[in-house]
Amino acid sequence: MFELIVAAKLLLTSPRDLVGIDRAKIEARFGRPEGVGTDFIPSPETVGAKDSIVTLDWPKLRIRLHVSSATKVVSLLGVTTTSDVLELASPVHIGVDRGTVLREFGGPLYEDGDQIVYSLKEESDDLPNDTVRLVFRDDRVVGIDWTYPLER
């Protein structure tokens, strides 16, 4: 059972290493994005300030970054892919069947016909968790979505 937890944790955390937070390095690896969007949210650090959420889009990849207005620190918020552009070191990838996912990672936090969700539990239940959502069509993975909370 311990190996299943390690395998799931590696899949959960691998985009942080593979994608990173440096936009120039991201674009050097994946090419110039076809779309770039910027949204603004209230800063959790500075009252009245607005932080940026930058969304970089390619045909089969989306990367979301948070940019602090106060510190200019960049954090990875999410990665979504519908192809194996990240070259994960995992037997779980786009196209794999549901049985392989469950054998590799064990029981998920949530499962239904269209998705399986795994979460990296934090010490407190009220803290946000790193999650990976595997999306299925005809019992095969067609998308993987990683979500990371802002680190504080």
C-alpha atoms as a PDB file:
ATOM      1  CA  MET A   1       0.000   0.000   0.000  1.00  0.00           C
ATOM      2  CA  PHE A   2       2.889   2.397   0.760  1.00  0.00           C
ATOM      3  CA  GLU A   3       4.060   2.207  -2.887  1.00  0.00           C
ATOM      4  CA  LEU A   4       0.607   3.242  -4.077  1.00  0.00           C
ATOM      5  CA  ILE A   5       0.729   6.354  -1.912  1.00  0.00           C
ATOM      6  CA  VAL A   6       4.220   7.211  -3.187  1.00  0.00           C
ATOM      7  CA  ALA A   7       3.142   6.691  -6.819  1.00  0.00           C
ATOM      8  CA  ALA A   8       0.119   8.958  -6.396  1.00  0.00           C
ATOM      9  CA  LYS A   9       2.211  11.604  -4.624  1.00  0.00           C
ATOM     10  CA  LEU A  10       4.761  11.567  -7.454  1.00  0.00           C
ATOM     11  CA  LEU A  11       2.013  12.114 -10.027  1.00  0.00           C
ATOM     12  CA  LEU A  12       0.522  14.886  -7.883  1.00  0.00           C
ATOM     13  CA  THR A  13       3.782  16.789  -7.498  1.00  0.00           C
ATOM     14  CA  SER A  14       5.530  16.111 -10.822  1.00  0.00           C
ATOM     15  CA  PRO A  15       4.170  19.174 -12.715  1.00  0.00           C
ATOM     16  CA  ARG A  16       5.893  21.446 -10.207  1.00  0.00           C
ATOM     17  CA  ASP A  17       9.234  20.029 -11.365  1.00  0.00           C
ATOM     18  CA  LEU A  18       8.303  19.528 -15.029  1.00  0.00           C
ATOM     19  CA  VAL A  19       6.575  22.886 -15.589  1.00  0.00           C
ATOM     20  CA  GLY A  20       7.995  25.187 -12.939  1.00  0.00           C
ATOM     21  CA  ILE A  21       7.026  28.833 -12.539  1.00  0.00           C
ATOM     22  CA  ASP A  22       9.425  30.697 -14.829  1.00  0.00           C
ATOM     23  CA  ARG A  23       7.379  31.829 -17.831  1.00  0.00           C
ATOM     24  CA  ALA A  24      10.417  32.139 -20.112  1.00  0.00           C
ATOM     25  CA  LYS A  25      11.437  28.546 -19.316  1.00  0.00           C
ATOM     26  CA  ILE A  26       7.860  27.344 -19.768  1.00  0.00           C
ATOM     27  CA  GLU A  27       7.692  28.964 -23.205  1.00  0.00           C
ATOM     28  CA  ALA A  28      11.135  27.641 -24.124  1.00  0.00           C
ATOM     29  CA  ARG A  29       9.906  24.130 -23.379  1.00  0.00           C
ATOM     30  CA  PHE A  30       6.387  24.245 -24.846  1.00  0.00           C
ATOM     31  CA  GLY A  31       6.697  27.046 -27.401  1.00  0.00           C
ATOM     32  CA  ARG A  32       4.857  30.320 -27.523  1.00  0.00           C
ATOM     33  CA  PRO A  33       1.325  29.902 -26.138  1.00  0.00           C
ATOM     34  CA  GLU A  34      -1.569  30.350 -28.547  1.00  0.00           C
ATOM     35  CA  GLY A  35      -3.430  32.296 -25.896  1.00  0.00           C
ATOM     36  CA  VAL A  36      -2.507  34.305 -22.824  1.00  0.00           C
ATOM     37  CA  GLY A  37      -5.102  35.588 -20.398  1.00  0.00           C
ATOM     38  CA  THR A  38      -4.793  37.619 -17.233  1.00  0.00           C
ATOM     39  CA  ASP A  39      -7.385  37.809 -14.505  1.00  0.00           C
ATOM     40  CA  PHE A  40      -7.130  39.845 -11.322  1.00  0.00           C
ATOM     41  CA  ILE A  41      -8.102  38.722  -7.833  1.00  0.00           C
ATOM     42  CA  PRO A  42      -7.916  40.443  -4.448  1.00  0.00           C
ATOM     43  CA  SER A  43      -4.468  40.019  -2.944  1.00  0.00           C
ATOM     44  CA  PRO A  44      -4.418  37.800   0.156  1.00  0.00           C
ATOM     45  CA  GLU A  45      -1.331  39.755   1.326  1.00  0.00           C
ATOM     46  CA  THR A  46      -2.211  43.407   0.749  1.00  0.00           C
ATOM     47  CA  VAL A  47      -5.623  44.978   1.369  1.00  0.00           C
ATOM     48  CA  GLY A  48      -6.880  46.743  -1.740  1.00  0.00           C
ATOM     49  CA  ALA A  49      -4.230  45.266  -4.058  1.00  0.00           C
ATOM     50  CA  LYS A  50      -4.924  42.901  -6.947  1.00  0.00           C
ATOM     51  CA  ASP A  51      -2.858  39.812  -7.767  1.00  0.00           C
ATOM     52  CA  SER A  52      -2.678  38.359 -11.286  1.00  0.00           C
ATOM     53  CA  ILE A  53      -3.722  34.945 -12.490  1.00  0.00           C
ATOM     54  CA  VAL A  54      -1.943  34.337 -15.801  1.00  0.00           C
ATOM     55  CA  THR A  55      -3.323  31.563 -18.013  1.00  0.00           C
ATOM     56  CA  LEU A  56      -1.105  30.195 -20.782  1.00  0.00           C
ATOM     57  CA  ASP A  57      -2.907  28.088 -23.413  1.00  0.00           C
ATOM     58  CA  TRP A  58      -1.603  25.662 -26.002  1.00  0.00           C
ATOM     59  CA  PRO A  59      -3.817  23.250 -27.996  1.00  0.00           C
ATOM     60  CA  LYS A  60      -3.423  20.386 -25.479  1.00  0.00           C
ATOM     61  CA  LEU A  61      -2.023  22.170 -22.436  1.00  0.00           C
ATOM     62  CA  ARG A  62      -3.091  24.937 -20.030  1.00  0.00           C
ATOM     63  CA  ILE A  63      -0.876  26.370 -17.282  1.00  0.00           C
ATOM     64  CA  ARG A  64      -2.126  28.813 -14.633  1.00  0.00           C
ATOM     65  CA  LEU A  65       0.241  30.990 -12.596  1.00  0.00           C
ATOM     66  CA  HIS A  66      -0.416  33.304  -9.651  1.00  0.00           C
ATOM     67  CA  VAL A  67       1.659  36.498  -9.491  1.00  0.00           C
ATOM     68  CA  SER A  68       1.688  38.362  -6.186  1.00  0.00           C
ATOM     69  CA  SER A  69       1.363  42.123  -6.601  1.00  0.00           C
ATOM     70  CA  ALA A  70       3.154  42.715  -3.287  1.00  0.00           C
ATOM     71  CA  THR A  71       6.138  40.392  -3.637  1.00  0.00           C
ATOM     72  CA  LYS A  72       6.123  39.519  -7.367  1.00  0.00           C
ATOM     73  CA  VAL A  73       6.426  35.858  -6.309  1.00  0.00           C
ATOM     74  CA  VAL A  74       5.039  33.464  -8.927  1.00  0.00           C
ATOM     75  CA  SER A  75       3.260  30.246  -7.920  1.00  0.00           C
ATOM     76  CA  LEU A  76       1.968  27.384 -10.035  1.00  0.00           C
ATOM     77  CA  LEU A  77      -1.816  27.119  -9.596  1.00  0.00           C
ATOM     78  CA  GLY A  78      -2.689  24.491 -12.135  1.00  0.00           C
ATOM     79  CA  VAL A  79      -1.804  22.408 -15.145  1.00  0.00           C
ATOM     80  CA  THR A  80      -4.331  20.751 -17.452  1.00  0.00           C
ATOM     81  CA  THR A  81      -3.431  18.485 -20.345  1.00  0.00           C
ATOM     82  CA  THR A  82      -5.182  16.274 -22.867  1.00  0.00           C
ATOM     83  CA  SER A  83      -1.989  14.709 -24.244  1.00  0.00           C
ATOM     84  CA  ASP A  84       1.304  13.409 -22.890  1.00  0.00           C
ATOM     85  CA  VAL A  85       3.168  16.694 -23.406  1.00  0.00           C
ATOM     86  CA  LEU A  86       4.618  16.569 -19.879  1.00  0.00           C
ATOM     87  CA  GLU A  87       6.289  13.158 -20.356  1.00  0.00           C
ATOM     88  CA  LEU A  88       5.416  11.962 -16.858  1.00  0.00           C
ATOM     89  CA  ALA A  89       7.535   9.248 -15.260  1.00  0.00           C
ATOM     90  CA  SER A  90       4.397   7.314 -14.356  1.00  0.00           C
ATOM     91  CA  PRO A  91       2.451   4.392 -15.801  1.00  0.00           C
ATOM     92  CA  VAL A  92      -0.590   6.670 -15.504  1.00  0.00           C
ATOM     93  CA  HIS A  93      -0.905   8.903 -18.557  1.00  0.00           C
ATOM     94  CA  ILE A  94      -3.339   9.930 -21.277  1.00  0.00           C
ATOM     95  CA  GLY A  95      -4.917   6.838 -22.823  1.00  0.00           C
ATOM     96  CA  VAL A  96      -4.395   4.455 -19.887  1.00  0.00           C
ATOM     97  CA  ASP A  97      -7.406   2.501 -18.606  1.00  0.00           C
ATOM     98  CA  ARG A  98      -9.183   3.071 -15.286  1.00  0.00           C
ATOM     99  CA  GLY A  99      -8.003  -0.273 -13.884  1.00  0.00           C
ATOM    100  CA  THR A 100      -4.354   0.748 -14.279  1.00  0.00           C
ATOM    101  CA  VAL A 101      -4.996   4.015 -12.415  1.00  0.00           C
ATOM    102  CA  LEU A 102      -6.633   2.204  -9.506  1.00  0.00           C
ATOM    103  CA  ARG A 103      -3.923  -0.490  -9.382  1.00  0.00           C
ATOM    104  CA  GLU A 104      -1.149   2.128  -9.356  1.00  0.00           C
ATOM    105  CA  PHE A 105      -2.680   4.611  -6.921  1.00  0.00           C
ATOM    106  CA  GLY A 106      -5.266   2.713  -4.907  1.00  0.00           C
ATOM    107  CA  GLY A 107      -8.527   4.202  -3.738  1.00  0.00           C
ATOM    108  CA  PRO A 108      -9.133   7.845  -4.659  1.00  0.00           C
ATOM    109  CA  LEU A 109     -10.603  10.705  -2.690  1.00  0.00           C
ATOM    110  CA  TYR A 110     -13.488  10.783  -5.201  1.00  0.00           C
ATOM    111  CA  GLU A 111     -14.559   8.639  -8.139  1.00  0.00           C
ATOM    112  CA  ASP A 112     -17.465   8.559 -10.573  1.00  0.00           C
ATOM    113  CA  GLY A 113     -17.956   7.468 -14.169  1.00  0.00           C
ATOM    114  CA  ASP A 114     -16.157  10.485 -15.627  1.00  0.00           C
ATOM    115  CA  GLN A 115     -13.353  11.220 -13.170  1.00  0.00           C
ATOM    116  CA  ILE A 116     -11.086  10.094 -10.362  1.00  0.00           C
ATOM    117  CA  VAL A 117      -9.629  12.621  -7.915  1.00  0.00           C
ATOM    118  CA  TYR A 118      -6.583  12.140  -5.675  1.00  0.00           C
ATOM    119  CA  SER A 119      -5.555  14.658  -3.043  1.00  0.00           C
ATOM    120  CA  LEU A 120      -2.368  15.212  -1.086  1.00  0.00           C
ATOM    121  CA  LYS A 121      -3.717  15.581   2.432  1.00  0.00           C
ATOM    122  CA  GLU A 122      -2.498  18.490   4.524  1.00  0.00           C
ATOM    123  CA  GLU A 123      -2.102  18.392   8.296  1.00  0.00           C
ATOM    124  CA  SER A 124      -5.359  20.278   8.775  1.00  0.00           C
ATOM    125  CA  ASP A 125      -8.591  19.499   6.944  1.00  0.00           C
ATOM    126  CA  ASP A 126      -9.293  23.220   6.528  1.00  0.00           C
ATOM    127  CA  LEU A 127      -6.153  23.820   4.450  1.00  0.00           C
ATOM    128  CA  PRO A 128      -6.408  23.500   0.653  1.00  0.00           C
ATOM    129  CA  ASN A 129      -4.822  20.396  -0.844  1.00  0.00           C
ATOM    130  CA  ASP A 130      -2.869  19.587  -3.983  1.00  0.00           C
ATOM    131  CA  THR A 131      -5.191  17.558  -6.220  1.00  0.00           C
ATOM    132  CA  VAL A 132      -5.011  15.656  -9.475  1.00  0.00           C
ATOM    133  CA  ARG A 133      -8.179  14.879 -11.419  1.00  0.00           C
ATOM    134  CA  LEU A 134      -8.110  12.206 -14.108  1.00  0.00           C
ATOM    135  CA  VAL A 135     -10.905  12.610 -16.657  1.00  0.00           C
ATOM    136  CA  PHE A 136     -12.245   9.521 -18.452  1.00  0.00           C
ATOM    137  CA  ARG A 137     -14.082   8.772 -21.675  1.00  0.00           C
ATOM    138  CA  ASP A 138     -14.926   5.137 -22.398  1.00  0.00           C
ATOM    139  CA  ASP A 139     -12.893   4.149 -19.291  1.00  0.00           C
ATOM    140  CA  ARG A 140      -9.667   5.680 -20.676  1.00  0.00           C
ATOM    141  CA  VAL A 141      -7.876   8.785 -19.373  1.00  0.00           C
ATOM    142  CA  VAL A 142      -8.486  11.696 -21.773  1.00  0.00           C
ATOM    143  CA  GLY A 143      -7.369  14.536 -19.498  1.00  0.00           C
ATOM    144  CA  ILE A 144      -5.338  15.223 -16.391  1.00  0.00           C
ATOM    145  CA  ASP A 145      -5.854  18.332 -14.274  1.00  0.00           C
ATOM    146  CA  TRP A 146      -3.533  19.316 -11.419  1.00  0.00           C
ATOM    147  CA  THR A 147      -4.567  22.040  -8.959  1.00  0.00           C
ATOM    148  CA  TYR A 148      -2.232  23.565  -6.369  1.00  0.00           C
ATOM    149  CA  PRO A 149      -3.205  25.979  -3.592  1.00  0.00           C
ATOM    150  CA  LEU A 150      -1.229  29.152  -3.016  1.00  0.00           C
ATOM    151  CA  GLU A 151       1.667  28.426  -0.690  1.00  0.00           C
ATOM    152  CA  ARG A 152       1.710  30.599   2.394  1.00  0.00           C
END
